[in-house]
C-alpha atoms as a PDB file:
ATOM      1  CA  VAL A   1      86.172  81.380  88.751  1.00  0.00           C
ATOM      2  CA  GLN A   2      85.627  84.977  88.099  1.00  0.00           C
ATOM      3  CA  VAL A   3      86.761  88.143  90.159  1.00  0.00           C
ATOM      4  CA  GLU A   4      85.111  91.584  89.431  1.00  0.00           C
ATOM      5  CA  GLU A   5      86.452  94.921  91.542  1.00  0.00           C
ATOM      6  CA  SER A   6      84.305  98.130  91.512  1.00  0.00           C
ATOM      7  CA  GLY A   7      84.597 101.737  92.849  1.00  0.00           C
ATOM      8  CA  GLY A   8      87.319 102.793  91.585  1.00  0.00           C
ATOM      9  CA  GLY A   9      87.557 106.442  90.206  1.00  0.00           C
ATOM     10  CA  LEU A  10      88.784 110.154  91.109  1.00  0.00           C
ATOM     11  CA  VAL A  11      88.569 111.660  94.625  1.00  0.00           C
ATOM     12  CA  ALA A  12      90.602 114.641  96.141  1.00  0.00           C
ATOM     13  CA  PRO A  13      93.338 114.084  98.776  1.00  0.00           C
ATOM     14  CA  GLY A  14      91.311 113.445 102.057  1.00  0.00           C
ATOM     15  CA  GLY A  15      88.628 111.815 100.541  1.00  0.00           C
ATOM     16  CA  SER A  16      87.346 108.700 100.824  1.00  0.00           C
ATOM     17  CA  LEU A  17      86.735 105.797  98.496  1.00  0.00           C
ATOM     18  CA  ARG A  18      85.074 102.288  98.904  1.00  0.00           C
ATOM     19  CA  LEU A  19      86.072  99.567  96.394  1.00  0.00           C
ATOM     20  CA  SER A  20      84.287  95.940  96.353  1.00  0.00           C
ATOM     21  CA  CYS A  21      85.479  92.691  95.065  1.00  0.00           C
ATOM     22  CA  ALA A  22      82.571  90.424  93.581  1.00  0.00           C
ATOM     23  CA  PHE A  23      83.401  86.823  94.137  1.00  0.00           C
ATOM     24  CA  SER A  24      81.584  84.448  91.597  1.00  0.00           C
ATOM     25  CA  ASP A  25      81.864  81.043  93.238  1.00  0.00           C
ATOM     26  CA  SER A  26      80.854  79.810  96.757  1.00  0.00           C
ATOM     27  CA  PHE A  27      84.756  78.811  97.654  1.00  0.00           C
ATOM     28  CA  PHE A  28      85.033  82.854  98.303  1.00  0.00           C
ATOM     29  CA  THR A  29      83.542  81.255 102.135  1.00  0.00           C
ATOM     30  CA  ILE A  30      86.657  79.767 102.728  1.00  0.00           C
ATOM     31  CA  ALA A  31      88.818  81.990 100.567  1.00  0.00           C
ATOM     32  CA  ASN A  32      91.315  84.253 102.365  1.00  0.00           C
ATOM     33  CA  MET A  33      90.789  87.826 100.205  1.00  0.00           C
ATOM     34  CA  HIS A  34      93.685  90.053  99.296  1.00  0.00           C
ATOM     35  CA  TRP A  35      93.511  93.257  98.085  1.00  0.00           C
ATOM     36  CA  GLU A  36      96.542  94.752  95.968  1.00  0.00           C
ATOM     37  CA  ARG A  37      97.892  97.943  94.881  1.00  0.00           C
ATOM     38  CA  GLN A  38     100.273  98.773  91.513  1.00  0.00           C
ATOM     39  CA  ALA A  39     100.514 102.492  91.405  1.00  0.00           C
ATOM     40  CA  PRO A  40     101.919 103.966  88.072  1.00  0.00           C
ATOM     41  CA  GLY A  41     105.651 102.453  87.341  1.00  0.00           C
ATOM     42  CA  LYS A  42     105.972 100.720  90.561  1.00  0.00           C
ATOM     43  CA  ALA A  43     105.570  97.062  91.456  1.00  0.00           C
ATOM     44  CA  ARG A  44     102.679  96.022  92.979  1.00  0.00           C
ATOM     45  CA  VAL A  45     102.292  95.512  96.892  1.00  0.00           C
ATOM     46  CA  LEU A  46     100.214  94.355  99.551  1.00  0.00           C
ATOM     47  CA  VAL A  47      97.373  96.447 100.655  1.00  0.00           C
ATOM     48  CA  ALA A  48      95.197  94.630 102.972  1.00  0.00           C
ATOM     49  CA  THR A  49      94.293  90.940 103.680  1.00  0.00           C
ATOM     50  CA  ILE A  50      91.242  89.590 105.264  1.00  0.00           C
ATOM     51  CA  SER A  51      91.312  85.466 106.317  1.00  0.00           C
ATOM     52  CA  SER A  52      87.957  83.129 105.522  1.00  0.00           C
ATOM     53  CA  ASP A  53      86.974  83.474 109.473  1.00  0.00           C
ATOM     54  CA  GLY A  54      87.090  87.869 108.976  1.00  0.00           C
ATOM     55  CA  THR A  55      90.780  88.554 110.509  1.00  0.00           C
ATOM     56  CA  PRO A  56      92.277  91.684 108.607  1.00  0.00           C
ATOM     57  CA  ALA A  57      95.547  92.612 108.044  1.00  0.00           C
ATOM     58  CA  TYR A  58      96.829  95.378 107.050  1.00  0.00           C
ATOM     59  CA  ASN A  59     100.267  97.320 104.957  1.00  0.00           C
ATOM     60  CA  ALA A  60     101.305  99.274 107.936  1.00  0.00           C
ATOM     61  CA  SER A  61     101.702 102.343 105.722  1.00  0.00           C
ATOM     62  CA  MET A  62      97.873 101.928 105.529  1.00  0.00           C
ATOM     63  CA  LYS A  63      96.657 100.488 108.717  1.00  0.00           C
ATOM     64  CA  GLY A  64      94.272 103.327 110.406  1.00  0.00           C
ATOM     65  CA  ARG A  65      92.556 104.728 107.134  1.00  0.00           C
ATOM     66  CA  PHE A  66      92.121 101.874 105.113  1.00  0.00           C
ATOM     67  CA  THR A  67      89.614  99.030 106.424  1.00  0.00           C
ATOM     68  CA  ILE A  68      89.148  95.409 104.665  1.00  0.00           C
ATOM     69  CA  SER A  69      85.823  93.605 105.213  1.00  0.00           C
ATOM     70  CA  ARG A  70      83.799  90.589 103.456  1.00  0.00           C
ATOM     71  CA  ASP A  71      80.199  89.499 103.276  1.00  0.00           C
ATOM     72  CA  ASN A  72      80.070  86.220 103.109  1.00  0.00           C
ATOM     73  CA  ALA A  73      76.512  85.811 101.685  1.00  0.00           C
ATOM     74  CA  LYS A  74      77.428  88.198  99.142  1.00  0.00           C
ATOM     75  CA  LYS A  75      80.353  86.925  97.979  1.00  0.00           C
ATOM     76  CA  SER A  76      82.174  89.671  98.425  1.00  0.00           C
ATOM     77  CA  ALA A  77      85.111  91.501  99.780  1.00  0.00           C
ATOM     78  CA  TYR A  78      85.355  95.435 100.262  1.00  0.00           C
ATOM     79  CA  LEU A  79      88.245  97.877 101.229  1.00  0.00           C
ATOM     80  CA  GLN A  80      87.206 100.939 102.812  1.00  0.00           C
ATOM     81  CA  MET A  81      89.856 103.879 101.959  1.00  0.00           C
ATOM     82  CA  ASN A  82      89.650 107.082 103.805  1.00  0.00           C
ATOM     83  CA  SER A  83      92.551 110.525 103.966  1.00  0.00           C
ATOM     84  CA  LEU A  84      93.210 109.389 100.821  1.00  0.00           C
ATOM     85  CA  LYS A  85      96.870 110.504  99.473  1.00  0.00           C
ATOM     86  CA  PRO A  86      97.802 111.283  96.116  1.00  0.00           C
ATOM     87  CA  GLU A  87     100.235 108.102  96.502  1.00  0.00           C
ATOM     88  CA  ALA A  88      97.347 106.184  96.957  1.00  0.00           C
ATOM     89  CA  THR A  89      96.952 105.982  93.127  1.00  0.00           C
ATOM     90  CA  GLY A  90      96.973 103.180  90.783  1.00  0.00           C
ATOM     91  CA  LEU A  91      95.118  99.920  89.974  1.00  0.00           C
ATOM     92  CA  TYR A  92      93.504  98.154  92.817  1.00  0.00           C
ATOM     93  CA  TYR A  93      93.487  94.462  92.674  1.00  0.00           C
ATOM     94  CA  CYS A  94      91.289  91.901  94.662  1.00  0.00           C
ATOM     95  CA  GLY A  95      92.378  88.476  94.492  1.00  0.00           C
ATOM     96  CA  GLY A  96      91.211  85.221  96.794  1.00  0.00           C
ATOM     97  CA  GLY A  97      92.362  82.102  97.549  1.00  0.00           C
ATOM     98  CA  ARG A  98      92.603  78.822 100.113  1.00  0.00           C
ATOM     99  CA  GLU A  99      96.647  80.382 101.270  1.00  0.00           C
ATOM    100  CA  ASP A 100      97.560  82.885  98.175  1.00  0.00           C
ATOM    101  CA  PRO A 101      95.258  83.959  96.008  1.00  0.00           C
ATOM    102  CA  ASP A 102      94.398  81.700  92.783  1.00  0.00           C
ATOM    103  CA  TYR A 103      91.954  83.785  91.241  1.00  0.00           C
ATOM    104  CA  TRP A 104      92.430  87.587  90.511  1.00  0.00           C
ATOM    105  CA  GLY A 105      90.255  90.316  89.055  1.00  0.00           C
ATOM    106  CA  LYS A 106      91.467  92.759  86.258  1.00  0.00           C
ATOM    107  CA  GLY A 107      91.685  96.043  89.066  1.00  0.00           C
ATOM    108  CA  THR A 108      89.799  99.000  89.753  1.00  0.00           C
ATOM    109  CA  LEU A 109      91.216 102.497  89.087  1.00  0.00           C
ATOM    110  CA  VAL A 110      92.143 104.783  91.656  1.00  0.00           C
ATOM    111  CA  ILE A 111      93.468 108.438  91.033  1.00  0.00           C
ATOM    112  CA  VAL A 112      93.913 110.385  94.139  1.00  0.00           C
ATOM    113  CA  SER A 113      94.394 114.470  92.833  1.00  0.00           C
ATOM    114  CA  SER A 114      93.040 117.711  93.138  1.00  0.00           C
END
């Protein structure tokens, strides 16, 4: 199973980005999907999850600005990030698994800076 994130880049504070996560296997349809972030010099933190039936959950500090979604037909998950702040800078990882993620991508870099 391969997982590949995309959509990262440099964005000004207050801007938006949409991250994508492509899953190579039909296992995706029964997997819970996670987005995690690792800021420079800090531990990895959970950003958001979405269950196989589409129920989302968010880190409280990001709720309202970030939206997680999935498209089972495309075996893809997404993270829409709005009103970005500099502290959102980091590597964003996507993972999937029946409970906790078994498979992870290599990450996509987001830099929020003016």
